[in-house]
Amino acid sequence: MERGGGLWVEPGGFHIDPVRPVDRAVITHGHSDHARAGHTHVLATLPTLDIMRVRLGEGAGRHQQTLDYGRPLRIGDVTVTLVPAGHVLGSAQVVLEHGGRRVVVSGDYKRQPDPTCAPFEPVSCDVFVTEATFGLPVFRHPPAAAEIARLLHAGQLFPERALVVGCYALGKCQRLIAHLRDAGYDRPVYLHGAHLPLCELYRRHGVDLGPLRPATAADKEEMRGAVVLAPPSALMDRWARRLPDPLIAYASGWMRVRARARQHGVELPLVISDHADWDELCQTLREVAAPEVWVTHGAEEALVHWAGLNGFRARPLHLVGFGDEET
C-alpha cells in the first residue's frame, strides 16, 4: 500500500503523492516531498498545478488535469473528490469512494486559521489516513496572531535591527505576510529572491499580500526595523550578514523544541506551523469518526496509541497491506 511515502490505490490504477514517477498521480499539494517531477498524468487543484509548474517546469507532468474542490471524478471504478486541507494554497484531501466505502487521504493539513488558503473540511469516512508530523502531546501550537505580536514587539524593542525570519517559500512565507497585514503592519515586507515567484503566484490567485520588495533592491537604512523573510538556509550565510544587525527569527512548529532554535542560532523562535498540532490531530479523528485510522509521516506510535484508547482501530500506514482482510 505504501510506496516511499505515497499511497498506491490499485482499483483505479493511480497513486497519491508518489515519490517516484508513475503513470497516474493525484497530488495533494505543491511541497516537494509530495509533488515530484516526472509523472505522466497528474491530477490536482489548479493552484497546486500552477505551483508545480513554477517549481518543476516541464517536469510538472506530461498531461495535467485540474479538479475543483467538491467535484467528483470517476477514475475506473473509484470516485475521487478533492476537499480543502488547510495546509497551503490549493492543498487537498483526497476522498476515495469504492464499493460503498469511503477512504480519506488527508495529506498534510492544519486546523488554525490561514487567510491564504481554504480551511480544512472534515469528511466522515470509513478509513482516515492522517499525518502525524507533530503527533506528540508536547506539540501545542499557540495562535499565530500571538507569535506575530511577539515579532512586531521585537521590532519595537530593536528598531535599528532588521527582523529576519526564516520560513519556507511555499505556504509559510505567504501566511506570515497575511498575518502581518492582519496585525496592521503596512510597511513593505522584504523578500529573499527564492520567495518572490511563489508570492507572485499567490497574488495571481487572489491573495493580497500588500507591498513586497526584493531585499537585494533595498539599502540598509530602509530595512532597519523591517521584516525580512528568507529561506531557513539563508539565515546564517553571507546573504543575512549584509542586512543591518539582523535579529534572527524562525517560524516553524519545530521551534517548540528549544534545542532546534539554538542549533539554528535563532534569537526569536516563532511557533507557527502549517501542520496540525497534537490537540488538532485528536480533534480531527473525533470529527471524521472513521472506525479505522492509518497514521503516517511523523510520531505514528503516540497517535496510534491515543486512537486505540479512544475506540479507533489504528495502525501505522507502513504496516497496512492489501493482504490484510481488515482493510
C-alpha atoms as a PDB file:
ATOM      1  CA  MET A   1       0.000   0.000   0.000  1.00  0.00           C
ATOM      2  CA  GLU A   2       2.742   2.480   0.845  1.00  0.00           C
ATOM      3  CA  ARG A   3       5.347   3.374  -1.755  1.00  0.00           C
ATOM      4  CA  GLY A   4       8.058   5.643  -0.381  1.00  0.00           C
ATOM      5  CA  GLY A   5       5.661   7.899   1.499  1.00  0.00           C
ATOM      6  CA  GLY A   6       2.809   7.902  -1.030  1.00  0.00           C
ATOM      7  CA  LEU A   7      -0.384   5.855  -1.159  1.00  0.00           C
ATOM      8  CA  TRP A   8      -0.829   3.396  -4.022  1.00  0.00           C
ATOM      9  CA  VAL A   9      -4.521   2.808  -4.857  1.00  0.00           C
ATOM     10  CA  GLU A  10      -4.947  -0.224  -7.064  1.00  0.00           C
ATOM     11  CA  PRO A  11      -8.624  -0.194  -8.144  1.00  0.00           C
ATOM     12  CA  GLY A  12      -8.316   2.974 -10.273  1.00  0.00           C
ATOM     13  CA  GLY A  13      -4.698   2.414 -11.228  1.00  0.00           C
ATOM     14  CA  PHE A  14      -3.472   5.720  -9.752  1.00  0.00           C
ATOM     15  CA  HIS A  15      -1.156   6.832  -6.951  1.00  0.00           C
ATOM     16  CA  ILE A  16      -1.459   9.575  -4.349  1.00  0.00           C
ATOM     17  CA  ASP A  17       1.683  11.686  -3.875  1.00  0.00           C
ATOM     18  CA  PRO A  18       4.129   9.021  -5.102  1.00  0.00           C
ATOM     19  CA  VAL A  19       7.827   9.720  -4.590  1.00  0.00           C
ATOM     20  CA  ARG A  20       8.973   8.116  -7.843  1.00  0.00           C
ATOM     21  CA  PRO A  21       7.481   8.893 -11.289  1.00  0.00           C
ATOM     22  CA  VAL A  22       4.300   6.965 -12.121  1.00  0.00           C
ATOM     23  CA  ASP A  23       1.760   6.909 -14.936  1.00  0.00           C
ATOM     24  CA  ARG A  24      -1.114   8.463 -12.950  1.00  0.00           C
ATOM     25  CA  ALA A  25      -0.612  10.602  -9.839  1.00  0.00           C
ATOM     26  CA  VAL A  26      -3.019  12.530  -7.612  1.00  0.00           C
ATOM     27  CA  ILE A  27      -1.087  15.329  -5.882  1.00  0.00           C
ATOM     28  CA  THR A  28      -2.390  16.737  -2.593  1.00  0.00           C
ATOM     29  CA  HIS A  29      -0.261  19.921  -2.596  1.00  0.00           C
ATOM     30  CA  GLY A  30       2.833  21.544  -4.044  1.00  0.00           C
ATOM     31  CA  HIS A  31       5.517  20.875  -1.419  1.00  0.00           C
ATOM     32  CA  SER A  32       8.458  18.986  -2.877  1.00  0.00           C
ATOM     33  CA  ASP A  33       8.021  15.917  -0.644  1.00  0.00           C
ATOM     34  CA  HIS A  34       4.573  15.445  -2.211  1.00  0.00           C
ATOM     35  CA  ALA A  35       4.815  16.996  -5.682  1.00  0.00           C
ATOM     36  CA  ARG A  36       7.643  15.286  -7.554  1.00  0.00           C
ATOM     37  CA  ALA A  37       8.691  15.568 -11.187  1.00  0.00           C
ATOM     38  CA  GLY A  38       8.247  13.062 -13.986  1.00  0.00           C
ATOM     39  CA  HIS A  39       4.667  11.752 -13.724  1.00  0.00           C
ATOM     40  CA  THR A  40       2.821  11.110 -16.978  1.00  0.00           C
ATOM     41  CA  HIS A  41      -0.692  12.104 -15.837  1.00  0.00           C
ATOM     42  CA  VAL A  42      -1.176  14.470 -12.901  1.00  0.00           C
ATOM     43  CA  LEU A  43      -4.455  15.323 -11.183  1.00  0.00           C
ATOM     44  CA  ALA A  44      -4.611  18.193  -8.671  1.00  0.00           C
ATOM     45  CA  THR A  45      -6.278  21.504  -7.911  1.00  0.00           C
ATOM     46  CA  LEU A  46      -5.440  24.388 -10.242  1.00  0.00           C
ATOM     47  CA  PRO A  47      -3.288  26.212  -7.631  1.00  0.00           C
ATOM     48  CA  THR A  48      -1.316  23.030  -6.966  1.00  0.00           C
ATOM     49  CA  LEU A  49      -0.660  22.517 -10.667  1.00  0.00           C
ATOM     50  CA  ASP A  50       0.375  26.167 -11.001  1.00  0.00           C
ATOM     51  CA  ILE A  51       2.782  25.726  -8.093  1.00  0.00           C
ATOM     52  CA  MET A  52       4.210  22.582  -9.697  1.00  0.00           C
ATOM     53  CA  ARG A  53       4.731  24.423 -12.984  1.00  0.00           C
ATOM     54  CA  VAL A  54       6.608  27.230 -11.199  1.00  0.00           C
ATOM     55  CA  ARG A  55       8.785  24.804  -9.246  1.00  0.00           C
ATOM     56  CA  LEU A  56       9.205  21.921 -11.696  1.00  0.00           C
ATOM     57  CA  GLY A  57       8.723  23.442 -15.151  1.00  0.00           C
ATOM     58  CA  GLU A  58       8.238  20.718 -17.752  1.00  0.00           C
ATOM     59  CA  GLY A  59       8.631  18.106 -15.010  1.00  0.00           C
ATOM     60  CA  ALA A  60       5.240  19.039 -13.551  1.00  0.00           C
ATOM     61  CA  GLY A  61       3.581  16.289 -15.597  1.00  0.00           C
ATOM     62  CA  ARG A  62       3.152  15.464 -19.265  1.00  0.00           C
ATOM     63  CA  HIS A  63      -0.662  15.564 -19.014  1.00  0.00           C
ATOM     64  CA  GLN A  64      -2.178  17.776 -16.328  1.00  0.00           C
ATOM     65  CA  GLN A  65      -5.795  17.735 -15.198  1.00  0.00           C
ATOM     66  CA  THR A  66      -7.354  20.137 -12.705  1.00  0.00           C
ATOM     67  CA  LEU A  67     -10.104  19.146 -10.316  1.00  0.00           C
ATOM     68  CA  ASP A  68     -12.046  21.732  -8.313  1.00  0.00           C
ATOM     69  CA  TYR A  69     -12.832  21.204  -4.654  1.00  0.00           C
ATOM     70  CA  GLY A  70     -16.021  19.204  -4.149  1.00  0.00           C
ATOM     71  CA  ARG A  71     -16.365  17.981  -7.739  1.00  0.00           C
ATOM     72  CA  PRO A  72     -16.460  14.146  -8.002  1.00  0.00           C
ATOM     73  CA  LEU A  73     -14.427  12.479 -10.744  1.00  0.00           C
ATOM     74  CA  ARG A  74     -14.782   8.848 -11.781  1.00  0.00           C
ATOM     75  CA  ILE A  75     -11.477   7.013 -12.348  1.00  0.00           C
ATOM     76  CA  GLY A  76     -12.141   3.381 -13.227  1.00  0.00           C
ATOM     77  CA  ASP A  77     -14.475   2.139 -10.529  1.00  0.00           C
ATOM     78  CA  VAL A  78     -13.239   4.673  -7.930  1.00  0.00           C
ATOM     79  CA  THR A  79     -14.804   8.114  -7.399  1.00  0.00           C
ATOM     80  CA  VAL A  80     -12.251  10.767  -6.463  1.00  0.00           C
ATOM     81  CA  THR A  81     -13.139  14.077  -4.831  1.00  0.00           C
ATOM     82  CA  LEU A  82     -10.758  16.774  -3.558  1.00  0.00           C
ATOM     83  CA  VAL A  83     -11.655  18.792  -0.463  1.00  0.00           C
ATOM     84  CA  PRO A  84      -9.605  21.529   1.267  1.00  0.00           C
ATOM     85  CA  ALA A  85      -6.817  20.504   3.639  1.00  0.00           C
ATOM     86  CA  GLY A  86      -5.969  23.959   5.020  1.00  0.00           C
ATOM     87  CA  HIS A  87      -2.241  23.361   4.593  1.00  0.00           C
ATOM     88  CA  VAL A  88      -1.165  25.738   1.786  1.00  0.00           C
ATOM     89  CA  LEU A  89      -2.771  27.294  -1.295  1.00  0.00           C
ATOM     90  CA  GLY A  90      -4.523  24.550  -3.285  1.00  0.00           C
ATOM     91  CA  SER A  91      -3.852  21.804  -0.750  1.00  0.00           C
ATOM     92  CA  ALA A  92      -6.392  18.987  -0.790  1.00  0.00           C
ATOM     93  CA  GLN A  93      -7.532  15.864   0.936  1.00  0.00           C
ATOM     94  CA  VAL A  94      -8.290  13.024  -1.457  1.00  0.00           C
ATOM     95  CA  VAL A  95     -11.665  11.353  -0.897  1.00  0.00           C
ATOM     96  CA  LEU A  96     -11.887   7.897  -2.479  1.00  0.00           C
ATOM     97  CA  GLU A  97     -15.217   6.071  -2.775  1.00  0.00           C
ATOM     98  CA  HIS A  98     -15.442   2.474  -3.950  1.00  0.00           C
ATOM     99  CA  GLY A  99     -17.869  -0.346  -3.268  1.00  0.00           C
ATOM    100  CA  GLY A 100     -19.870   1.673  -0.760  1.00  0.00           C
ATOM    101  CA  ARG A 101     -16.828   2.578   1.351  1.00  0.00           C
ATOM    102  CA  ARG A 102     -15.050   5.896   1.710  1.00  0.00           C
ATOM    103  CA  VAL A 103     -11.365   6.471   2.369  1.00  0.00           C
ATOM    104  CA  VAL A 104      -9.981   9.943   3.032  1.00  0.00           C
ATOM    105  CA  VAL A 105      -6.262  10.561   2.490  1.00  0.00           C
ATOM    106  CA  SER A 106      -5.683  13.829   4.317  1.00  0.00           C
ATOM    107  CA  GLY A 107      -2.219  14.686   3.014  1.00  0.00           C
ATOM    108  CA  ASP A 108      -0.698  17.445   5.157  1.00  0.00           C
ATOM    109  CA  TYR A 109      -3.249  19.591   6.966  1.00  0.00           C
ATOM    110  CA  LYS A 110      -3.721  22.181   9.679  1.00  0.00           C
ATOM    111  CA  ARG A 111      -6.710  23.498  11.610  1.00  0.00           C
ATOM    112  CA  GLN A 112      -5.572  27.019  12.548  1.00  0.00           C
ATOM    113  CA  PRO A 113      -6.994  29.948  10.529  1.00  0.00           C
ATOM    114  CA  ASP A 114      -4.946  30.897   7.477  1.00  0.00           C
ATOM    115  CA  PRO A 115      -6.003  33.827   5.252  1.00  0.00           C
ATOM    116  CA  THR A 116      -4.068  32.411   2.276  1.00  0.00           C
ATOM    117  CA  CYS A 117      -5.843  29.076   1.711  1.00  0.00           C
ATOM    118  CA  ALA A 118      -9.189  27.332   2.058  1.00  0.00           C
ATOM    119  CA  PRO A 119      -9.752  25.885   5.560  1.00  0.00           C
ATOM    120  CA  PHE A 120      -9.689  22.169   6.361  1.00  0.00           C
ATOM    121  CA  GLU A 121     -13.011  20.392   5.897  1.00  0.00           C
ATOM    122  CA  PRO A 122     -13.612  17.229   7.941  1.00  0.00           C
ATOM    123  CA  VAL A 123     -15.177  14.427   5.903  1.00  0.00           C
ATOM    124  CA  SER A 124     -16.792  11.436   7.581  1.00  0.00           C
ATOM    125  CA  CYS A 125     -15.357   8.188   6.279  1.00  0.00           C
ATOM    126  CA  ASP A 126     -14.642   4.518   6.894  1.00  0.00           C
ATOM    127  CA  VAL A 127     -10.848   4.888   6.789  1.00  0.00           C
ATOM    128  CA  PHE A 128      -8.926   8.083   7.546  1.00  0.00           C
ATOM    129  CA  VAL A 129      -5.263   8.401   6.603  1.00  0.00           C
ATOM    130  CA  THR A 130      -3.679  11.077   8.764  1.00  0.00           C
ATOM    131  CA  GLU A 131      -0.265  12.651   9.050  1.00  0.00           C
ATOM    132  CA  ALA A 132       1.349  12.903  12.489  1.00  0.00           C
ATOM    133  CA  THR A 133       4.183  15.395  11.958  1.00  0.00           C
ATOM    134  CA  PHE A 134       3.538  16.906  15.392  1.00  0.00           C
ATOM    135  CA  GLY A 135       1.909  13.820  16.850  1.00  0.00           C
ATOM    136  CA  LEU A 136       3.163  14.178  20.425  1.00  0.00           C
ATOM    137  CA  PRO A 137       1.390  15.940  23.326  1.00  0.00           C
ATOM    138  CA  VAL A 138       4.301  18.365  23.729  1.00  0.00           C
ATOM    139  CA  PHE A 139       3.371  19.987  20.409  1.00  0.00           C
ATOM    140  CA  ARG A 140       0.611  22.507  21.058  1.00  0.00           C
ATOM    141  CA  HIS A 141       0.837  25.469  18.707  1.00  0.00           C
ATOM    142  CA  PRO A 142      -0.139  28.897  20.073  1.00  0.00           C
ATOM    143  CA  PRO A 143      -2.351  31.176  17.949  1.00  0.00           C
ATOM    144  CA  ALA A 144      -0.339  32.562  15.039  1.00  0.00           C
ATOM    145  CA  ALA A 145      -1.518  36.089  15.871  1.00  0.00           C
ATOM    146  CA  ALA A 146       0.208  35.865  19.257  1.00  0.00           C
ATOM    147  CA  GLU A 147       3.511  34.857  17.640  1.00  0.00           C
ATOM    148  CA  ILE A 148       3.216  37.679  15.087  1.00  0.00           C
ATOM    149  CA  ALA A 149       2.653  40.083  18.001  1.00  0.00           C
ATOM    150  CA  ARG A 150       5.929  38.867  19.529  1.00  0.00           C
ATOM    151  CA  LEU A 151       7.729  39.542  16.245  1.00  0.00           C
ATOM    152  CA  LEU A 152       6.338  43.078  15.984  1.00  0.00           C
ATOM    153  CA  HIS A 153       7.169  43.736  19.646  1.00  0.00           C
ATOM    154  CA  ALA A 154      10.775  42.762  18.909  1.00  0.00           C
ATOM    155  CA  GLY A 155      10.757  45.375  16.152  1.00  0.00           C
ATOM    156  CA  GLN A 156       9.660  48.000  18.671  1.00  0.00           C
ATOM    157  CA  LEU A 157      12.385  46.984  21.108  1.00  0.00           C
ATOM    158  CA  PHE A 158      15.137  46.920  18.463  1.00  0.00           C
ATOM    159  CA  PRO A 159      14.145  49.467  15.782  1.00  0.00           C
ATOM    160  CA  GLU A 160      17.704  49.576  14.428  1.00  0.00           C
ATOM    161  CA  ARG A 161      17.778  45.869  13.549  1.00  0.00           C
ATOM    162  CA  ALA A 162      16.286  44.002  10.586  1.00  0.00           C
ATOM    163  CA  LEU A 163      13.848  41.285  11.654  1.00  0.00           C
ATOM    164  CA  VAL A 164      14.969  38.326   9.526  1.00  0.00           C
ATOM    165  CA  VAL A 165      12.515  35.427   9.664  1.00  0.00           C
ATOM    166  CA  GLY A 166      13.428  32.009   8.306  1.00  0.00           C
ATOM    167  CA  CYS A 167      10.413  30.417   6.628  1.00  0.00           C
ATOM    168  CA  TYR A 168       9.630  28.071   3.752  1.00  0.00           C
ATOM    169  CA  ALA A 169       8.928  29.646   0.374  1.00  0.00           C
ATOM    170  CA  LEU A 170       5.597  27.876  -0.186  1.00  0.00           C
ATOM    171  CA  GLY A 171       2.828  28.496   2.305  1.00  0.00           C
ATOM    172  CA  LYS A 172       4.671  29.724   5.383  1.00  0.00           C
ATOM    173  CA  CYS A 173       6.067  32.853   3.705  1.00  0.00           C
ATOM    174  CA  GLN A 174       2.702  33.974   2.359  1.00  0.00           C
ATOM    175  CA  ARG A 175       0.882  33.098   5.574  1.00  0.00           C
ATOM    176  CA  LEU A 176       3.301  35.178   7.646  1.00  0.00           C
ATOM    177  CA  ILE A 177       2.785  38.158   5.346  1.00  0.00           C
ATOM    178  CA  ALA A 178      -1.008  37.806   5.573  1.00  0.00           C
ATOM    179  CA  HIS A 179      -0.906  37.626   9.386  1.00  0.00           C
ATOM    180  CA  LEU A 180       1.384  40.675   9.465  1.00  0.00           C
ATOM    181  CA  ARG A 181      -1.154  42.590   7.372  1.00  0.00           C
ATOM    182  CA  ASP A 182      -3.980  41.453   9.665  1.00  0.00           C
ATOM    183  CA  ALA A 183      -1.944  42.819  12.593  1.00  0.00           C
ATOM    184  CA  GLY A 184      -1.755  46.229  10.911  1.00  0.00           C
ATOM    185  CA  TYR A 185       1.794  46.020   9.581  1.00  0.00           C
ATOM    186  CA  ASP A 186       1.712  48.160   6.425  1.00  0.00           C
ATOM    187  CA  ARG A 187       5.420  48.612   5.690  1.00  0.00           C
ATOM    188  CA  PRO A 188       6.940  46.748   2.749  1.00  0.00           C
ATOM    189  CA  VAL A 189       7.958  43.184   3.555  1.00  0.00           C
ATOM    190  CA  TYR A 190      11.397  42.409   2.132  1.00  0.00           C
ATOM    191  CA  LEU A 191      11.929  39.033   0.498  1.00  0.00           C
ATOM    192  CA  HIS A 192      14.809  36.774  -0.409  1.00  0.00           C
ATOM    193  CA  GLY A 193      14.771  36.063  -4.146  1.00  0.00           C
ATOM    194  CA  ALA A 194      13.692  32.460  -3.545  1.00  0.00           C
ATOM    195  CA  HIS A 195      10.391  33.715  -2.080  1.00  0.00           C
ATOM    196  CA  LEU A 196       9.385  36.095  -4.853  1.00  0.00           C
ATOM    197  CA  PRO A 197       7.977  33.713  -7.543  1.00  0.00           C
ATOM    198  CA  LEU A 198       5.514  31.967  -5.242  1.00  0.00           C
ATOM    199  CA  CYS A 199       4.352  35.251  -3.688  1.00  0.00           C
ATOM    200  CA  GLU A 200       3.560  36.422  -7.216  1.00  0.00           C
ATOM    201  CA  LEU A 201       1.679  33.158  -7.848  1.00  0.00           C
ATOM    202  CA  TYR A 202      -0.385  33.687  -4.683  1.00  0.00           C
ATOM    203  CA  ARG A 203      -1.241  37.167  -5.911  1.00  0.00           C
ATOM    204  CA  ARG A 204      -2.417  35.745  -9.233  1.00  0.00           C
ATOM    205  CA  HIS A 205      -4.764  33.512  -7.251  1.00  0.00           C
ATOM    206  CA  GLY A 206      -6.283  36.496  -5.461  1.00  0.00           C
ATOM    207  CA  VAL A 207      -4.280  36.528  -2.219  1.00  0.00           C
ATOM    208  CA  ASP A 208      -3.487  40.158  -1.316  1.00  0.00           C
ATOM    209  CA  LEU A 209      -0.039  40.360   0.302  1.00  0.00           C
ATOM    210  CA  GLY A 210       0.431  44.131   0.281  1.00  0.00           C
ATOM    211  CA  PRO A 211       3.710  45.831  -0.659  1.00  0.00           C
ATOM    212  CA  LEU A 212       6.632  43.438  -1.187  1.00  0.00           C
ATOM    213  CA  ARG A 213      10.218  44.270  -2.171  1.00  0.00           C
ATOM    214  CA  PRO A 214      13.293  42.220  -3.012  1.00  0.00           C
ATOM    215  CA  ALA A 215      15.750  42.536  -0.134  1.00  0.00           C
ATOM    216  CA  THR A 216      18.622  42.970  -2.573  1.00  0.00           C
ATOM    217  CA  ALA A 217      16.972  46.102  -4.018  1.00  0.00           C
ATOM    218  CA  ALA A 218      16.837  47.952  -0.688  1.00  0.00           C
ATOM    219  CA  ASP A 219      19.546  49.785   1.218  1.00  0.00           C
ATOM    220  CA  LYS A 220      20.394  49.014   4.808  1.00  0.00           C
ATOM    221  CA  GLU A 221      18.764  52.077   6.312  1.00  0.00           C
ATOM    222  CA  GLU A 222      15.285  51.382   4.948  1.00  0.00           C
ATOM    223  CA  MET A 223      15.414  47.799   6.281  1.00  0.00           C
ATOM    224  CA  ARG A 224      16.101  48.829   9.878  1.00  0.00           C
ATOM    225  CA  GLY A 225      13.134  47.644  11.914  1.00  0.00           C
ATOM    226  CA  ALA A 226      11.617  45.986   8.847  1.00  0.00           C
ATOM    227  CA  VAL A 227      10.538  42.353   8.398  1.00  0.00           C
ATOM    228  CA  VAL A 228      12.698  40.335   6.003  1.00  0.00           C
ATOM    229  CA  LEU A 229      11.627  36.808   5.003  1.00  0.00           C
ATOM    230  CA  ALA A 230      14.171  34.285   3.767  1.00  0.00           C
ATOM    231  CA  PRO A 231      14.666  30.519   3.443  1.00  0.00           C
ATOM    232  CA  PRO A 232      15.975  28.934   6.652  1.00  0.00           C
ATOM    233  CA  SER A 233      19.207  28.064   4.820  1.00  0.00           C
ATOM    234  CA  ALA A 234      19.920  31.775   4.301  1.00  0.00           C
ATOM    235  CA  LEU A 235      19.773  32.738   7.968  1.00  0.00           C
ATOM    236  CA  MET A 236      23.432  32.067   8.736  1.00  0.00           C
ATOM    237  CA  ASP A 237      25.119  32.734   5.399  1.00  0.00           C
ATOM    238  CA  ARG A 238      26.513  35.882   3.788  1.00  0.00           C
ATOM    239  CA  TRP A 239      23.091  36.894   2.468  1.00  0.00           C
ATOM    240  CA  ALA A 240      21.816  37.605   6.002  1.00  0.00           C
ATOM    241  CA  ARG A 241      25.034  39.250   7.152  1.00  0.00           C
ATOM    242  CA  ARG A 242      24.595  42.069   4.626  1.00  0.00           C
ATOM    243  CA  LEU A 243      21.430  43.186   6.471  1.00  0.00           C
ATOM    244  CA  PRO A 244      21.566  45.804   9.255  1.00  0.00           C
ATOM    245  CA  ASP A 245      22.339  43.977  12.536  1.00  0.00           C
ATOM    246  CA  PRO A 246      19.901  41.137  11.761  1.00  0.00           C
ATOM    247  CA  LEU A 247      17.724  39.757  14.540  1.00  0.00           C
ATOM    248  CA  ILE A 248      17.290  36.121  13.539  1.00  0.00           C
ATOM    249  CA  ALA A 249      13.829  34.574  13.916  1.00  0.00           C
ATOM    250  CA  TYR A 250      12.491  31.276  12.605  1.00  0.00           C
ATOM    251  CA  ALA A 251       8.815  30.367  12.028  1.00  0.00           C
ATOM    252  CA  SER A 252       8.183  26.639  12.474  1.00  0.00           C
ATOM    253  CA  GLY A 253       6.307  24.224  14.675  1.00  0.00           C
ATOM    254  CA  TRP A 254       9.719  22.754  15.495  1.00  0.00           C
ATOM    255  CA  MET A 255      10.588  25.975  17.354  1.00  0.00           C
ATOM    256  CA  ARG A 256       8.724  24.451  20.269  1.00  0.00           C
ATOM    257  CA  VAL A 257      11.939  22.429  20.683  1.00  0.00           C
ATOM    258  CA  ARG A 258      14.426  24.975  22.026  1.00  0.00           C
ATOM    259  CA  ALA A 259      17.417  22.849  21.077  1.00  0.00           C
ATOM    260  CA  ARG A 260      16.440  23.287  17.429  1.00  0.00           C
ATOM    261  CA  ALA A 261      16.277  27.044  17.859  1.00  0.00           C
ATOM    262  CA  ARG A 262      19.748  27.109  19.389  1.00  0.00           C
ATOM    263  CA  GLN A 263      21.059  24.864  16.617  1.00  0.00           C
ATOM    264  CA  HIS A 264      19.995  27.439  14.013  1.00  0.00           C
ATOM    265  CA  GLY A 265      21.253  30.436  16.004  1.00  0.00           C
ATOM    266  CA  VAL A 266      17.700  31.720  16.429  1.00  0.00           C
ATOM    267  CA  GLU A 267      17.118  34.627  18.810  1.00  0.00           C
ATOM    268  CA  LEU A 268      13.353  34.697  18.363  1.00  0.00           C
ATOM    269  CA  PRO A 269      11.709  31.290  17.822  1.00  0.00           C
ATOM    270  CA  LEU A 270       8.186  31.658  16.422  1.00  0.00           C
ATOM    271  CA  VAL A 271       5.958  28.607  16.864  1.00  0.00           C
ATOM    272  CA  ILE A 272       3.948  28.926  13.648  1.00  0.00           C
ATOM    273  CA  SER A 273       3.220  25.689  11.823  1.00  0.00           C
ATOM    274  CA  ASP A 274       1.355  24.630   8.699  1.00  0.00           C
ATOM    275  CA  HIS A 275       0.599  21.238  10.281  1.00  0.00           C
ATOM    276  CA  ALA A 276      -1.944  20.207  12.895  1.00  0.00           C
ATOM    277  CA  ASP A 277      -0.677  20.008  16.466  1.00  0.00           C
ATOM    278  CA  TRP A 278      -1.462  17.229  18.935  1.00  0.00           C
ATOM    279  CA  ASP A 279      -4.832  18.584  20.059  1.00  0.00           C
ATOM    280  CA  GLU A 280      -5.887  19.256  16.466  1.00  0.00           C
ATOM    281  CA  LEU A 281      -4.924  15.757  15.337  1.00  0.00           C
ATOM    282  CA  CYS A 282      -7.053  14.264  18.106  1.00  0.00           C
ATOM    283  CA  GLN A 283      -9.894  16.701  17.346  1.00  0.00           C
ATOM    284  CA  THR A 284      -9.811  15.699  13.692  1.00  0.00           C
ATOM    285  CA  LEU A 285     -10.018  11.983  14.423  1.00  0.00           C
ATOM    286  CA  ARG A 286     -13.088  12.644  16.558  1.00  0.00           C
ATOM    287  CA  GLU A 287     -14.720  14.774  13.860  1.00  0.00           C
ATOM    288  CA  VAL A 288     -14.229  12.428  10.903  1.00  0.00           C
ATOM    289  CA  ALA A 289     -15.247   9.500  13.149  1.00  0.00           C
ATOM    290  CA  ALA A 290     -13.592   6.877  10.967  1.00  0.00           C
ATOM    291  CA  PRO A 291     -13.561   3.478  12.698  1.00  0.00           C
ATOM    292  CA  GLU A 292     -10.204   2.750  11.007  1.00  0.00           C
ATOM    293  CA  VAL A 293      -7.275   5.203  11.170  1.00  0.00           C
ATOM    294  CA  TRP A 294      -3.960   4.850   9.371  1.00  0.00           C
ATOM    295  CA  VAL A 295      -1.162   7.082  10.643  1.00  0.00           C
ATOM    296  CA  THR A 296       1.889   8.206   8.695  1.00  0.00           C
ATOM    297  CA  HIS A 297       4.592  10.840   8.450  1.00  0.00           C
ATOM    298  CA  GLY A 298       5.668  11.616  11.997  1.00  0.00           C
ATOM    299  CA  ALA A 299       5.181  10.340  15.521  1.00  0.00           C
ATOM    300  CA  GLU A 300       2.991   7.439  14.494  1.00  0.00           C
ATOM    301  CA  GLU A 301       3.178   5.441  17.714  1.00  0.00           C
ATOM    302  CA  ALA A 302       1.786   8.134  20.030  1.00  0.00           C
ATOM    303  CA  LEU A 303      -1.231   8.918  17.849  1.00  0.00           C
ATOM    304  CA  VAL A 304      -1.890   5.219  17.195  1.00  0.00           C
ATOM    305  CA  HIS A 305      -1.850   4.646  20.964  1.00  0.00           C
ATOM    306  CA  TRP A 306      -4.225   7.557  21.641  1.00  0.00           C
ATOM    307  CA  ALA A 307      -6.568   6.418  18.883  1.00  0.00           C
ATOM    308  CA  GLY A 308      -6.675   2.890  20.267  1.00  0.00           C
ATOM    309  CA  LEU A 309      -7.545   4.186  23.735  1.00  0.00           C
ATOM    310  CA  ASN A 310     -10.378   6.205  22.223  1.00  0.00           C
ATOM    311  CA  GLY A 311     -12.072   3.418  20.312  1.00  0.00           C
ATOM    312  CA  PHE A 312     -10.437   3.613  16.874  1.00  0.00           C
ATOM    313  CA  ARG A 313      -8.696   0.762  15.075  1.00  0.00           C
ATOM    314  CA  ALA A 314      -5.409   2.469  14.319  1.00  0.00           C
ATOM    315  CA  ARG A 315      -2.152   1.340  12.749  1.00  0.00           C
ATOM    316  CA  PRO A 316       0.908   2.929  11.190  1.00  0.00           C
ATOM    317  CA  LEU A 317       0.414   3.104   7.429  1.00  0.00           C
ATOM    318  CA  HIS A 318       3.604   1.151   6.703  1.00  0.00           C
ATOM    319  CA  LEU A 319       2.030  -1.889   8.404  1.00  0.00           C
ATOM    320  CA  VAL A 320      -1.103  -1.790   6.222  1.00  0.00           C
ATOM    321  CA  GLY A 321      -1.140  -4.024   3.143  1.00  0.00           C
ATOM    322  CA  PHE A 322      -3.525  -5.419   0.577  1.00  0.00           C
ATOM    323  CA  GLY A 323      -3.225  -8.878   2.112  1.00  0.00           C
ATOM    324  CA  ASP A 324      -4.891  -7.652   5.308  1.00  0.00           C
ATOM    325  CA  GLU A 325      -8.548  -8.624   5.147  1.00  0.00           C
ATOM    326  CA  GLU A 326      -9.495  -5.963   7.711  1.00  0.00           C
ATOM    327  CA  THR A 327      -8.710  -3.218   5.174  1.00  0.00           C
END
